[in-house]
Amino acid sequence: MDSSGRRTKLPRCPMCGGPVDIKATPAPPFCSARCQQIDLGRWLGEKHSVPHVASSNDGEESRGDGHGELDES
């Protein structure tokens, strides 16, 4: 409950869906360090990724591996 006596809704952990007390958790927005580590493992294992939107000059300035071409002149 908040200071006015109303019931407050806790946010949910993005991994397990459990309630998260942001002031008490050691790993916000997760409910625990365990959920935080599981999420990190999914990112590092490439199960999660940020979508890439191709632009018109992607082929000209990039090798396609995320690293730009270096001008060695």
Protein backbone atom coordinates (compact mmCIF):
# COMPACT_ATOMS: atom_id res chain seq x y z
CA MET A 1 0.00 0.00 0.00
CA ASP A 2 1.14 3.53 -0.64
CA SER A 3 1.04 6.43 1.83
CA SER A 4 -2.61 7.19 0.99
CA GLY A 5 -3.69 3.63 1.83
CA ARG A 6 -4.20 2.54 -1.79
CA ARG A 7 -2.83 -0.77 -2.94
CA THR A 8 0.10 -0.34 -5.34
CA LYS A 9 0.81 -2.72 -8.20
CA LEU A 10 4.40 -4.02 -8.30
CA PRO A 11 6.15 -4.31 -11.66
CA ARG A 12 6.82 -7.82 -13.00
CA CYS A 13 10.19 -9.48 -13.58
CA PRO A 14 10.84 -9.76 -17.34
CA MET A 15 12.25 -13.30 -16.88
CA CYS A 16 9.94 -15.13 -14.50
CA GLY A 17 6.96 -12.76 -14.25
CA GLY A 18 7.21 -12.56 -10.47
CA PRO A 19 6.60 -9.28 -8.61
CA VAL A 20 9.60 -6.95 -8.26
CA ASP A 21 10.06 -4.59 -5.34
CA ILE A 22 12.36 -2.11 -7.09
CA LYS A 23 13.61 -0.67 -3.78
CA ALA A 24 14.53 -4.09 -2.37
CA THR A 25 15.83 -6.08 -5.35
CA PRO A 26 19.58 -6.32 -5.90
CA ALA A 27 19.13 -6.53 -9.69
CA PRO A 28 16.39 -4.24 -11.05
CA PRO A 29 14.32 -4.69 -13.20
CA PHE A 30 14.70 -8.38 -12.32
CA CYS A 31 13.40 -9.97 -9.12
CA SER A 32 16.75 -11.63 -8.38
CA ALA A 33 20.35 -11.92 -9.49
CA ARG A 34 19.45 -15.37 -10.86
CA CYS A 35 16.88 -13.92 -13.29
CA GLN A 36 19.38 -11.23 -14.27
CA GLN A 37 22.02 -13.89 -15.07
CA ILE A 38 19.57 -15.98 -17.09
CA ASP A 39 18.68 -12.90 -19.17
CA LEU A 40 22.36 -12.06 -19.72
CA GLY A 41 23.01 -15.64 -20.84
CA ARG A 42 20.22 -15.38 -23.40
CA TRP A 43 21.70 -12.16 -24.82
CA LEU A 44 25.21 -13.64 -24.95
CA GLY A 45 23.88 -16.84 -26.52
CA GLU A 46 22.13 -14.68 -29.13
CA LYS A 47 18.65 -15.92 -28.22
CA HIS A 48 17.79 -12.23 -27.80
CA SER A 49 18.89 -9.54 -30.25
CA VAL A 50 18.12 -6.00 -31.30
CA PRO A 51 16.54 -5.95 -34.77
CA HIS A 52 18.63 -4.35 -37.50
CA VAL A 53 16.90 -2.11 -40.00
CA ALA A 54 18.91 -1.90 -43.21
CA SER A 55 19.50 1.55 -44.62
CA SER A 56 20.28 2.49 -48.20
CA ASN A 57 24.01 2.91 -47.53
CA ASP A 58 24.60 -0.27 -45.48
CA GLY A 59 26.45 -2.05 -48.29
CA GLU A 60 28.69 0.91 -49.06
CA GLU A 61 30.08 1.70 -45.61
CA SER A 62 29.99 -1.63 -43.86
CA ARG A 63 31.49 -5.09 -44.31
CA GLY A 64 28.23 -6.57 -43.09
CA ASP A 65 29.72 -7.82 -39.83
CA GLY A 66 28.94 -4.72 -37.78
CA HIS A 67 32.34 -3.12 -38.32
CA GLY A 68 32.79 -0.21 -40.71
CA GLU A 69 35.43 -0.15 -43.41
CA LEU A 70 38.65 1.62 -42.49
CA ASP A 71 40.17 4.07 -44.95
CA GLU A 72 43.86 3.16 -45.06
CA SER A 73 44.98 5.89 -47.48
